PDB file of N, CA and C in Angstrom:
ATOM      1  N   MET A   1     130.563  62.497 100.962  1.00  0.00           N
ATOM      2  CA  MET A   1     130.253  62.835  99.520  1.00  0.00           C
ATOM      3  C   MET A   1     130.359  61.559  99.073  1.00  0.00           C
ATOM      4  N   ASP A   2     131.685  60.956  98.882  1.00  0.00           N
ATOM      5  CA  ASP A   2     132.358  60.249  98.346  1.00  0.00           C
ATOM      6  C   ASP A   2     130.977  58.899  98.313  1.00  0.00           C
ATOM      7  N   TYR A   3     130.671  58.765  99.600  1.00  0.00           N
ATOM      8  CA  TYR A   3     129.617  57.489  99.342  1.00  0.00           C
ATOM      9  C   TYR A   3     128.733  57.121  98.415  1.00  0.00           C
ATOM     10  N   HIS A   4     128.128  58.884  98.466  1.00  0.00           N
ATOM     11  CA  HIS A   4     127.160  59.009  97.790  1.00  0.00           C
ATOM     12  C   HIS A   4     127.176  58.971  96.292  1.00  0.00           C
ATOM     13  N   LEU A   5     128.294  59.095  95.903  1.00  0.00           N
ATOM     14  CA  LEU A   5     128.687  58.878  94.832  1.00  0.00           C
ATOM     15  C   LEU A   5     128.964  57.912  93.902  1.00  0.00           C
ATOM     16  N   GLU A   6     129.825  56.951  94.985  1.00  0.00           N
ATOM     17  CA  GLU A   6     129.761  55.428  94.572  1.00  0.00           C
ATOM     18  C   GLU A   6     128.589  54.276  94.834  1.00  0.00           C
ATOM     19  N   VAL A   7     128.272  54.784  95.867  1.00  0.00           N
ATOM     20  CA  VAL A   7     127.090  53.765  96.259  1.00  0.00           C
ATOM     21  C   VAL A   7     125.862  54.205  95.678  1.00  0.00           C
ATOM     22  N   THR A   8     125.595  55.349  96.585  1.00  0.00           N
ATOM     23  CA  THR A   8     124.098  55.905  96.140  1.00  0.00           C
ATOM     24  C   THR A   8     123.629  56.210  94.785  1.00  0.00           C
ATOM     25  N   LEU A   9     124.769  56.794  94.328  1.00  0.00           N
ATOM     26  CA  LEU A   9     124.405  57.230  92.718  1.00  0.00           C
ATOM     27  C   LEU A   9     125.252  56.338  91.810  1.00  0.00           C
ATOM     28  N   ALA A  10     126.064  55.325  92.030  1.00  0.00           N
ATOM     29  CA  ALA A  10     126.380  54.182  91.014  1.00  0.00           C
ATOM     30  C   ALA A  10     127.551  55.476  90.279  1.00  0.00           C
ATOM     31  N   LYS A  11     127.953  56.107  90.412  1.00  0.00           N
ATOM     32  CA  LYS A  11     129.221  56.639  89.841  1.00  0.00           C
ATOM     33  C   LYS A  11     130.233  56.185  90.164  1.00  0.00           C
ATOM     34  N   ASN A  12     131.236  56.590  88.422  1.00  0.00           N
ATOM     35  CA  ASN A  12     132.795  56.170  89.005  1.00  0.00           C
ATOM     36  C   ASN A  12     133.413  57.308  88.766  1.00  0.00           C
ATOM     37  N   SER A  13     134.465  57.073  88.416  1.00  0.00           N
ATOM     38  CA  SER A  13     135.240  58.480  88.686  1.00  0.00           C
ATOM     39  C   SER A  13     135.294  59.495  87.468  1.00  0.00           C
ATOM     40  N   GLN A  14     134.300  59.199  86.648  1.00  0.00           N
ATOM     41  CA  GLN A  14     133.969  60.310  85.598  1.00  0.00           C
ATOM     42  C   GLN A  14     132.647  60.971  86.123  1.00  0.00           C
ATOM     43  N   ASN A  15     133.008  61.791  86.908  1.00  0.00           N
ATOM     44  CA  ASN A  15     131.871  62.323  87.344  1.00  0.00           C
ATOM     45  C   ASN A  15     131.476  63.658  86.820  1.00  0.00           C
ATOM     46  N   GLY A  16     130.578  63.887  86.635  1.00  0.00           N
ATOM     47  CA  GLY A  16     130.240  65.268  86.539  1.00  0.00           C
ATOM     48  C   GLY A  16     129.700  66.794  87.493  1.00  0.00           C
ATOM     49  N   VAL A  17     129.729  67.816  87.390  1.00  0.00           N
ATOM     50  CA  VAL A  17     129.248  68.703  88.328  1.00  0.00           C
ATOM     51  C   VAL A  17     127.995  68.270  88.972  1.00  0.00           C
ATOM     52  N   LEU A  18     127.125  67.561  88.132  1.00  0.00           N
ATOM     53  CA  LEU A  18     125.600  67.933  88.620  1.00  0.00           C
ATOM     54  C   LEU A  18     125.525  66.616  89.812  1.00  0.00           C
ATOM     55  N   ASP A  19     126.477  65.269  89.095  1.00  0.00           N
ATOM     56  CA  ASP A  19     126.804  64.664  90.515  1.00  0.00           C
ATOM     57  C   ASP A  19     127.250  64.518  91.739  1.00  0.00           C
ATOM     58  N   TYR A  20     128.030  65.685  91.645  1.00  0.00           N
ATOM     59  CA  TYR A  20     128.448  66.095  92.855  1.00  0.00           C
ATOM     60  C   TYR A  20     127.358  66.753  93.683  1.00  0.00           C
ATOM     61  N   HIS A  21     126.675  67.641  92.757  1.00  0.00           N
ATOM     62  CA  HIS A  21     125.776  68.419  93.402  1.00  0.00           C
ATOM     63  C   HIS A  21     124.873  67.592  94.267  1.00  0.00           C
ATOM     64  N   LEU A  22     124.362  66.091  93.669  1.00  0.00           N
ATOM     65  CA  LEU A  22     123.309  65.578  93.744  1.00  0.00           C
ATOM     66  C   LEU A  22     124.071  64.673  95.531  1.00  0.00           C
ATOM     67  N   ALA A  23     124.948  64.404  95.259  1.00  0.00           N
ATOM     68  CA  ALA A  23     125.790  63.823  96.239  1.00  0.00           C
ATOM     69  C   ALA A  23     125.938  64.712  97.587  1.00  0.00           C
ATOM     70  N   LEU A  24     126.490  65.783  96.786  1.00  0.00           N
ATOM     71  CA  LEU A  24     126.590  66.491  98.430  1.00  0.00           C
ATOM     72  C   LEU A  24     124.992  66.609  99.322  1.00  0.00           C
ATOM     73  N   ALA A  25     124.096  67.159  98.359  1.00  0.00           N
ATOM     74  CA  ALA A  25     122.465  66.738  98.597  1.00  0.00           C
ATOM     75  C   ALA A  25     122.242  65.566  99.702  1.00  0.00           C
ATOM     76  N   LEU A  26     122.553  65.123  99.046  1.00  0.00           N
ATOM     77  CA  LEU A  26     122.463  63.583  99.863  1.00  0.00           C
ATOM     78  C   LEU A  26     123.168  63.443 100.881  1.00  0.00           C
ATOM     79  N   ALA A  27     124.133  64.221 100.948  1.00  0.00           N
ATOM     80  CA  ALA A  27     125.284  63.719 102.420  1.00  0.00           C
ATOM     81  C   ALA A  27     124.598  64.602 103.546  1.00  0.00           C
ATOM     82  N   ILE A  28     123.833  65.994 102.981  1.00  0.00           N
ATOM     83  CA  ILE A  28     123.531  66.783 103.915  1.00  0.00           C
ATOM     84  C   ILE A  28     122.088  66.581 104.440  1.00  0.00           C
ATOM     85  N   ARG A  29     121.584  65.798 103.699  1.00  0.00           N
ATOM     86  CA  ARG A  29     120.171  65.394 103.608  1.00  0.00           C
ATOM     87  C   ARG A  29     120.066  64.768 105.228  1.00  0.00           C
ATOM     88  N   GLU A  30     120.574  63.870 105.792  1.00  0.00           N
ATOM     89  CA  GLU A  30     120.322  63.415 106.815  1.00  0.00           C
ATOM     90  C   GLU A  30     120.466  64.634 108.359  1.00  0.00           C
ATOM     91  N   PRO A  31     121.464  65.422 108.396  1.00  0.00           N
ATOM     92  CA  PRO A  31     121.763  66.399 109.530  1.00  0.00           C
ATOM     93  C   PRO A  31     120.632  67.615 109.145  1.00  0.00           C
ATOM     94  N   VAL A  32     120.241  67.764 108.104  1.00  0.00           N
ATOM     95  CA  VAL A  32     118.878  68.554 108.038  1.00  0.00           C
ATOM     96  C   VAL A  32     117.682  68.247 108.271  1.00  0.00           C
ATOM     97  N   ILE A  33     117.279  67.090 108.366  1.00  0.00           N
ATOM     98  CA  ILE A  33     116.218  66.309 108.319  1.00  0.00           C
ATOM     99  C   ILE A  33     116.360  66.087 110.158  1.00  0.00           C
ATOM    100  N   ARG A  34     116.933  65.348 110.572  1.00  0.00           N
ATOM    101  CA  ARG A  34     117.424  65.607 112.605  1.00  0.00           C
ATOM    102  C   ARG A  34     117.447  67.065 112.692  1.00  0.00           C
ATOM    103  N   ALA A  35     118.084  67.740 112.255  1.00  0.00           N
ATOM    104  CA  ALA A  35     117.856  69.269 112.895  1.00  0.00           C
ATOM    105  C   ALA A  35     116.175  69.663 113.025  1.00  0.00           C
ATOM    106  N   MET A  36     115.640  69.350 111.458  1.00  0.00           N
ATOM    107  CA  MET A  36     114.157  69.717 111.212  1.00  0.00           C
ATOM    108  C   MET A  36     113.305  68.830 112.383  1.00  0.00           C
ATOM    109  N   ASN A  37     113.675  67.720 112.672  1.00  0.00           N
ATOM    110  CA  ASN A  37     112.683  66.782 113.381  1.00  0.00           C
ATOM    111  C   ASN A  37     113.126  67.338 114.858  1.00  0.00           C
ATOM    112  N   ALA A  38     114.168  67.514 115.372  1.00  0.00           N
ATOM    113  CA  ALA A  38     114.443  67.573 117.098  1.00  0.00           C
ATOM    114  C   ALA A  38     113.634  69.118 117.048  1.00  0.00           C
ATOM    115  N   THR A  39     113.722  70.081 116.294  1.00  0.00           N
ATOM    116  CA  THR A  39     113.082  71.243 116.060  1.00  0.00           C
ATOM    117  C   THR A  39     111.318  70.784 116.583  1.00  0.00           C
ATOM    118  N   GLU A  40     111.001  70.351 115.856  1.00  0.00           N
ATOM    119  CA  GLU A  40     109.509  69.963 115.801  1.00  0.00           C
ATOM    120  C   GLU A  40     109.367  69.345 116.969  1.00  0.00           C
ATOM    121  N   GLU A  41     109.547  68.231 117.475  1.00  0.00           N
ATOM    122  CA  GLU A  41     109.603  68.007 118.447  1.00  0.00           C
ATOM    123  C   GLU A  41     110.130  68.735 119.984  1.00  0.00           C
ATOM    124  N   ARG A  42     110.946  69.777 119.736  1.00  0.00           N
ATOM    125  CA  ARG A  42     110.788  70.789 120.874  1.00  0.00           C
ATOM    126  C   ARG A  42     109.414  71.377 120.982  1.00  0.00           C
ATOM    127  N   VAL A  43     108.831  71.857 119.739  1.00  0.00           N
ATOM    128  CA  VAL A  43     107.915  72.827 119.738  1.00  0.00           C
ATOM    129  C   VAL A  43     106.625  71.774 120.107  1.00  0.00           C
ATOM    130  N   VAL A  44     106.559  70.641 119.786  1.00  0.00           N
ATOM    131  CA  VAL A  44     105.465  69.681 120.155  1.00  0.00           C
ATOM    132  C   VAL A  44     105.346  69.794 121.559  1.00  0.00           C
ATOM    133  N   LYS A  45     106.558  69.384 122.172  1.00  0.00           N
ATOM    134  CA  LYS A  45     106.788  69.036 123.606  1.00  0.00           C
ATOM    135  C   LYS A  45     106.831  70.456 124.641  1.00  0.00           C
ATOM    136  N   SER A  46     107.032  71.490 124.169  1.00  0.00           N
ATOM    137  CA  SER A  46     106.420  73.137 124.862  1.00  0.00           C
ATOM    138  C   SER A  46     105.243  73.210 124.894  1.00  0.00           C
ATOM    139  N   GLY A  47     104.079  72.943 123.931  1.00  0.00           N
ATOM    140  CA  GLY A  47     103.045  72.763 123.695  1.00  0.00           C
ATOM    141  C   GLY A  47     102.821  74.261 123.101  1.00  0.00           C
ATOM    142  N   ALA A  48     103.598  74.750 122.384  1.00  0.00           N
ATOM    143  CA  ALA A  48     103.700  76.333 121.935  1.00  0.00           C
ATOM    144  C   ALA A  48     102.913  76.166 120.850  1.00  0.00           C
ATOM    145  N   LYS A  49     102.054  77.213 120.779  1.00  0.00           N
ATOM    146  CA  LYS A  49     101.385  77.229 119.319  1.00  0.00           C
ATOM    147  C   LYS A  49     102.066  77.163 118.146  1.00  0.00           C
ATOM    148  N   GLN A  50     101.174  77.297 117.003  1.00  0.00           N
ATOM    149  CA  GLN A  50     102.237  77.057 115.611  1.00  0.00           C
ATOM    150  C   GLN A  50     101.321  77.864 114.894  1.00  0.00           C
ATOM    151  N   ILE A  51     101.709  78.761 114.029  1.00  0.00           N
ATOM    152  CA  ILE A  51     101.197  79.259 112.680  1.00  0.00           C
ATOM    153  C   ILE A  51     101.876  79.125 111.174  1.00  0.00           C
ATOM    154  N   HIS A  52     101.238  78.311 110.416  1.00  0.00           N
ATOM    155  CA  HIS A  52     101.908  78.373 109.315  1.00  0.00           C
ATOM    156  C   HIS A  52     101.557  78.927 108.385  1.00  0.00           C
ATOM    157  N   TYR A  53     102.281  79.456 107.627  1.00  0.00           N
ATOM    158  CA  TYR A  53     101.698  80.325 106.229  1.00  0.00           C
ATOM    159  C   TYR A  53     102.580  80.578 104.747  1.00  0.00           C
ATOM    160  N   LEU A  54     101.496  79.843 104.224  1.00  0.00           N
ATOM    161  CA  LEU A  54     102.464  79.441 103.071  1.00  0.00           C
ATOM    162  C   LEU A  54     102.064  80.383 101.321  1.00  0.00           C
ATOM    163  N   SER A  55     103.150  81.314 101.094  1.00  0.00           N
ATOM    164  CA  SER A  55     102.870  82.250 100.177  1.00  0.00           C
ATOM    165  C   SER A  55     103.915  81.725  98.669  1.00  0.00           C
ATOM    166  N   MET A  56     102.430  81.585  97.561  1.00  0.00           N
ATOM    167  CA  MET A  56     102.975  81.581  96.278  1.00  0.00           C
ATOM    168  C   MET A  56     103.914  82.502  95.858  1.00  0.00           C
ATOM    169  N   GLN A  57     104.008  83.690  96.454  1.00  0.00           N
ATOM    170  CA  GLN A  57     104.902  84.487  95.662  1.00  0.00           C
ATOM    171  C   GLN A  57     106.217  84.516  96.263  1.00  0.00           C
ATOM    172  N   PHE A  58     106.404  83.434  97.389  1.00  0.00           N
ATOM    173  CA  PHE A  58     107.738  83.618  98.366  1.00  0.00           C
ATOM    174  C   PHE A  58     108.945  83.046  97.683  1.00  0.00           C
ATOM    175  N   LEU A  59     109.821  82.968  96.793  1.00  0.00           N
ATOM    176  CA  LEU A  59     110.999  82.769  95.895  1.00  0.00           C
ATOM    177  C   LEU A  59     111.729  82.406  96.667  1.00  0.00           C
ATOM    178  N   ILE A  60     112.426  80.889  97.391  1.00  0.00           N
ATOM    179  CA  ILE A  60     113.314  80.589  98.118  1.00  0.00           C
ATOM    180  C   ILE A  60     114.678  80.370  97.784  1.00  0.00           C
ATOM    181  N   GLY A  61     114.639  80.712  96.737  1.00  0.00           N
ATOM    182  CA  GLY A  61     115.828  80.623  96.309  1.00  0.00           C
ATOM    183  C   GLY A  61     117.072  79.292  96.222  1.00  0.00           C
ATOM    184  N   ARG A  62     118.130  79.237  96.092  1.00  0.00           N
ATOM    185  CA  ARG A  62     118.945  78.384  95.995  1.00  0.00           C
ATOM    186  C   ARG A  62     119.010  77.299  97.539  1.00  0.00           C
ATOM    187  N   LEU A  63     118.848  76.286  97.777  1.00  0.00           N
ATOM    188  CA  LEU A  63     118.888  75.564  99.176  1.00  0.00           C
ATOM    189  C   LEU A  63     120.100  75.093  99.351  1.00  0.00           C
ATOM    190  N   LEU A  64     120.760  74.694  98.401  1.00  0.00           N
ATOM    191  CA  LEU A  64     121.991  73.945  99.019  1.00  0.00           C
ATOM    192  C   LEU A  64     122.807  74.544  99.468  1.00  0.00           C
ATOM    193  N   ALA A  65     123.504  75.402  99.608  1.00  0.00           N
ATOM    194  CA  ALA A  65     124.441  76.781  99.753  1.00  0.00           C
ATOM    195  C   ALA A  65     123.527  77.277 101.253  1.00  0.00           C
ATOM    196  N   ASN A  66     122.125  77.544 101.259  1.00  0.00           N
ATOM    197  CA  ASN A  66     121.559  78.156 103.050  1.00  0.00           C
ATOM    198  C   ASN A  66     121.997  76.330 103.344  1.00  0.00           C
ATOM    199  N   ASN A  67     121.795  75.488 103.366  1.00  0.00           N
ATOM    200  CA  ASN A  67     121.576  74.275 104.300  1.00  0.00           C
ATOM    201  C   ASN A  67     123.214  74.322 104.625  1.00  0.00           C
ATOM    202  N   LEU A  68     123.770  74.177 103.462  1.00  0.00           N
ATOM    203  CA  LEU A  68     125.458  74.099 104.030  1.00  0.00           C
ATOM    204  C   LEU A  68     125.420  75.206 105.581  1.00  0.00           C
ATOM    205  N   ARG A  69     125.147  76.515 105.103  1.00  0.00           N
ATOM    206  CA  ARG A  69     125.481  77.504 106.116  1.00  0.00           C
ATOM    207  C   ARG A  69     125.144  77.520 107.382  1.00  0.00           C
ATOM    208  N   ASN A  70     123.638  76.811 107.206  1.00  0.00           N
ATOM    209  CA  ASN A  70     122.945  76.745 108.051  1.00  0.00           C
ATOM    210  C   ASN A  70     123.821  75.553 109.237  1.00  0.00           C
ATOM    211  N   LEU A  71     124.080  74.606 108.610  1.00  0.00           N
ATOM    212  CA  LEU A  71     124.533  73.652 109.252  1.00  0.00           C
ATOM    213  C   LEU A  71     125.700  73.824 109.701  1.00  0.00           C
ATOM    214  N   GLY A  72     126.661  75.063 109.578  1.00  0.00           N
ATOM    215  CA  GLY A  72     127.958  75.244 109.582  1.00  0.00           C
ATOM    216  C   GLY A  72     129.113  74.624 108.735  1.00  0.00           C
ATOM    217  N   ILE A  73     128.546  73.853 108.120  1.00  0.00           N
ATOM    218  CA  ILE A  73     129.373  73.168 107.451  1.00  0.00           C
ATOM    219  C   ILE A  73     129.628  73.566 105.484  1.00  0.00           C
ATOM    220  N   TYR A  74     129.736  74.441 105.287  1.00  0.00           N
ATOM    221  CA  TYR A  74     129.734  75.115 104.046  1.00  0.00           C
ATOM    222  C   TYR A  74     131.573  75.272 103.849  1.00  0.00           C
ATOM    223  N   ASP A  75     132.309  75.661 104.796  1.00  0.00           N
ATOM    224  CA  ASP A  75     134.060  75.684 104.772  1.00  0.00           C
ATOM    225  C   ASP A  75     134.528  74.359 104.064  1.00  0.00           C
ATOM    226  N   THR A  76     133.850  73.779 105.616  1.00  0.00           N
ATOM    227  CA  THR A  76     134.230  72.029 105.256  1.00  0.00           C
ATOM    228  C   THR A  76     133.687  71.309 103.759  1.00  0.00           C
ATOM    229  N   CYS A  77     132.706  71.770 103.299  1.00  0.00           N
ATOM    230  CA  CYS A  77     132.307  71.159 101.676  1.00  0.00           C
ATOM    231  C   CYS A  77     132.784  71.475 101.235  1.00  0.00           C
ATOM    232  N   ALA A  78     133.369  72.941 101.167  1.00  0.00           N
ATOM    233  CA  ALA A  78     134.478  73.268 100.403  1.00  0.00           C
ATOM    234  C   ALA A  78     135.937  72.540  99.978  1.00  0.00           C
ATOM    235  N   GLU A  79     136.334  72.659 101.184  1.00  0.00           N
ATOM    236  CA  GLU A  79     137.379  72.226 101.183  1.00  0.00           C
ATOM    237  C   GLU A  79     137.491  70.190 100.603  1.00  0.00           C
ATOM    238  N   VAL A  80     136.513  69.602 101.093  1.00  0.00           N
ATOM    239  CA  VAL A  80     136.223  68.398 100.926  1.00  0.00           C
ATOM    240  C   VAL A  80     135.616  68.274  99.184  1.00  0.00           C
ATOM    241  N   ALA A  81     135.268  69.319  98.798  1.00  0.00           N
ATOM    242  CA  ALA A  81     135.005  69.312  97.097  1.00  0.00           C
ATOM    243  C   ALA A  81     136.525  69.705  96.737  1.00  0.00           C
ATOM    244  N   ALA A  82     137.207  70.541  97.171  1.00  0.00           N
ATOM    245  CA  ALA A  82     138.412  70.729  96.595  1.00  0.00           C
ATOM    246  C   ALA A  82     139.240  69.599  96.318  1.00  0.00           C
ATOM    247  N   ASP A  83     139.307  68.792  97.273  1.00  0.00           N
ATOM    248  CA  ASP A  83     139.874  67.791  97.523  1.00  0.00           C
ATOM    249  C   ASP A  83     139.795  66.640  96.059  1.00  0.00           C
ATOM    250  N   MET A  84     138.512  66.745  96.066  1.00  0.00           N
ATOM    251  CA  MET A  84     137.692  65.904  95.187  1.00  0.00           C
ATOM    252  C   MET A  84     138.181  66.361  93.643  1.00  0.00           C
ATOM    253  N   GLY A  85     138.824  67.569  93.566  1.00  0.00           N
ATOM    254  CA  GLY A  85     139.023  68.131  92.056  1.00  0.00           C
ATOM    255  C   GLY A  85     137.632  69.237  91.829  1.00  0.00           C
ATOM    256  N   VAL A  86     136.616  69.391  92.867  1.00  0.00           N
ATOM    257  CA  VAL A  86     135.789  70.102  92.219  1.00  0.00           C
ATOM    258  C   VAL A  86     135.539  71.285  93.293  1.00  0.00           C
ATOM    259  N   ASN A  87     135.179  72.564  92.467  1.00  0.00           N
ATOM    260  CA  ASN A  87     134.674  73.824  93.075  1.00  0.00           C
ATOM    261  C   ASN A  87     133.596  73.609  93.371  1.00  0.00           C
ATOM    262  N   LEU A  88     133.663  74.277  94.546  1.00  0.00           N
ATOM    263  CA  LEU A  88     131.986  74.048  95.116  1.00  0.00           C
ATOM    264  C   LEU A  88     130.946  75.142  94.658  1.00  0.00           C
ATOM    265  N   PRO A  89     131.232  76.280  94.121  1.00  0.00           N
ATOM    266  CA  PRO A  89     130.545  77.654  93.615  1.00  0.00           C
ATOM    267  C   PRO A  89     130.355  76.912  92.416  1.00  0.00           C
ATOM    268  N   ASP A  90     131.199  76.074  91.326  1.00  0.00           N
ATOM    269  CA  ASP A  90     130.252  75.517  90.326  1.00  0.00           C
ATOM    270  C   ASP A  90     129.281  74.249  90.768  1.00  0.00           C
ATOM    271  N   VAL A  91     129.669  73.806  91.775  1.00  0.00           N
ATOM    272  CA  VAL A  91     128.343  72.426  91.871  1.00  0.00           C
ATOM    273  C   VAL A  91     127.105  73.209  92.765  1.00  0.00           C
ATOM    274  N   ARG A  92     127.481  74.514  93.297  1.00  0.00           N
ATOM    275  CA  ARG A  92     126.180  75.062  93.802  1.00  0.00           C
ATOM    276  C   ARG A  92     125.146  75.837  92.488  1.00  0.00           C
ATOM    277  N   GLU A  93     126.047  76.060  91.408  1.00  0.00           N
ATOM    278  CA  GLU A  93     125.490  76.687  90.319  1.00  0.00           C
ATOM    279  C   GLU A  93     124.378  75.718  89.559  1.00  0.00           C
ATOM    280  N   THR A  94     124.688  74.208  89.665  1.00  0.00           N
ATOM    281  CA  THR A  94     123.500  73.202  89.127  1.00  0.00           C
ATOM    282  C   THR A  94     122.193  73.521  89.664  1.00  0.00           C
ATOM    283  N   GLU A  95     122.343  73.883  91.033  1.00  0.00           N
ATOM    284  CA  GLU A  95     121.046  73.567  91.297  1.00  0.00           C
ATOM    285  C   GLU A  95     120.032  74.771  90.939  1.00  0.00           C
ATOM    286  N   CYS A  96     118.662  74.604  90.324  1.00  0.00           N
ATOM    287  CA  CYS A  96     118.006  75.522  89.265  1.00  0.00           C
ATOM    288  C   CYS A  96     116.736  76.068  90.962  1.00  0.00           C
ATOM    289  N   ASP A  97     117.134  77.395  91.027  1.00  0.00           N
ATOM    290  CA  ASP A  97     115.522  77.754  91.233  1.00  0.00           C
ATOM    291  C   ASP A  97     114.525  77.444  91.044  1.00  0.00           C
ATOM    292  N   PRO A  98     113.505  76.973  92.561  1.00  0.00           N
ATOM    293  CA  PRO A  98     112.342  76.296  92.414  1.00  0.00           C
ATOM    294  C   PRO A  98     111.128  77.281  91.755  1.00  0.00           C
ATOM    295  N   ALA A  99     110.542  76.770  90.769  1.00  0.00           N
ATOM    296  CA  ALA A  99     109.463  77.962  90.645  1.00  0.00           C
ATOM    297  C   ALA A  99     108.525  77.656  91.042  1.00  0.00           C
ATOM    298  N   HIS A 100     107.661  79.000  90.983  1.00  0.00           N
ATOM    299  CA  HIS A 100     106.758  79.181  91.728  1.00  0.00           C
ATOM    300  C   HIS A 100     105.142  78.952  91.413  1.00  0.00           C
ATOM    301  N   GLY A 101     105.317  78.681  89.938  1.00  0.00           N
ATOM    302  CA  GLY A 101     104.063  77.954  89.165  1.00  0.00           C
ATOM    303  C   GLY A 101     103.225  79.327  88.905  1.00  0.00           C
ATOM    304  N   ASN A 102     103.207  80.275  89.403  1.00  0.00           N
ATOM    305  CA  ASN A 102     101.917  81.168  88.970  1.00  0.00           C
ATOM    306  C   ASN A 102     101.967  81.978  87.566  1.00  0.00           C
ATOM    307  N   GLY A 103     103.369  81.711  86.578  1.00  0.00           N
ATOM    308  CA  GLY A 103     103.390  82.415  86.014  1.00  0.00           C
ATOM    309  C   GLY A 103     103.344  84.243  85.990  1.00  0.00           C
ATOM    310  N   GLY A 104     103.104  84.624  87.174  1.00  0.00           N
ATOM    311  CA  GLY A 104     103.027  86.080  86.880  1.00  0.00           C
ATOM    312  C   GLY A 104     104.272  86.662  87.203  1.00  0.00           C
ATOM    313  N   LEU A 105     104.921  86.612  87.522  1.00  0.00           N
ATOM    314  CA  LEU A 105     106.555  86.910  88.177  1.00  0.00           C
ATOM    315  C   LEU A 105     107.520  86.628  87.297  1.00  0.00           C
ATOM    316  N   GLY A 106     107.158  86.428  86.118  1.00  0.00           N
ATOM    317  CA  GLY A 106     108.529  86.152  85.128  1.00  0.00           C
ATOM    318  C   GLY A 106     108.738  84.866  85.119  1.00  0.00           C
ATOM    319  N   SER A 107     108.346  84.098  85.314  1.00  0.00           N
ATOM    320  CA  SER A 107     108.660  82.394  85.537  1.00  0.00           C
ATOM    321  C   SER A 107     108.627  81.975  83.834  1.00  0.00           C
ATOM    322  N   VAL A 108     109.098  80.860  83.729  1.00  0.00           N
ATOM    323  CA  VAL A 108     109.435  80.552  82.282  1.00  0.00           C
ATOM    324  C   VAL A 108     108.304  79.181  82.742  1.00  0.00           C
TER     325      VAL A 108
END
């Protein structure tokens, strides 16, 4: 996360919570994509049929915490954030829920 704060985002020691959120998202991007690609490769090699379903009504919620938990690194990231003087729940709260676009379910 330090790497992405300093190099990718070109931030100094005066970082806001949103900066930490973006740095953390960038830090976990690689393992998430590698896992996704490995799954796709396994499915293709097995010759399994796939069905893809997209529902515009399905609200996926916040992804950062889900990805951290699914990768098994939530607690580690919370410790790293604490070492940097940041509270991980505060970082999580900077992520907006994705809009679903139809305006029919209370979207703004």
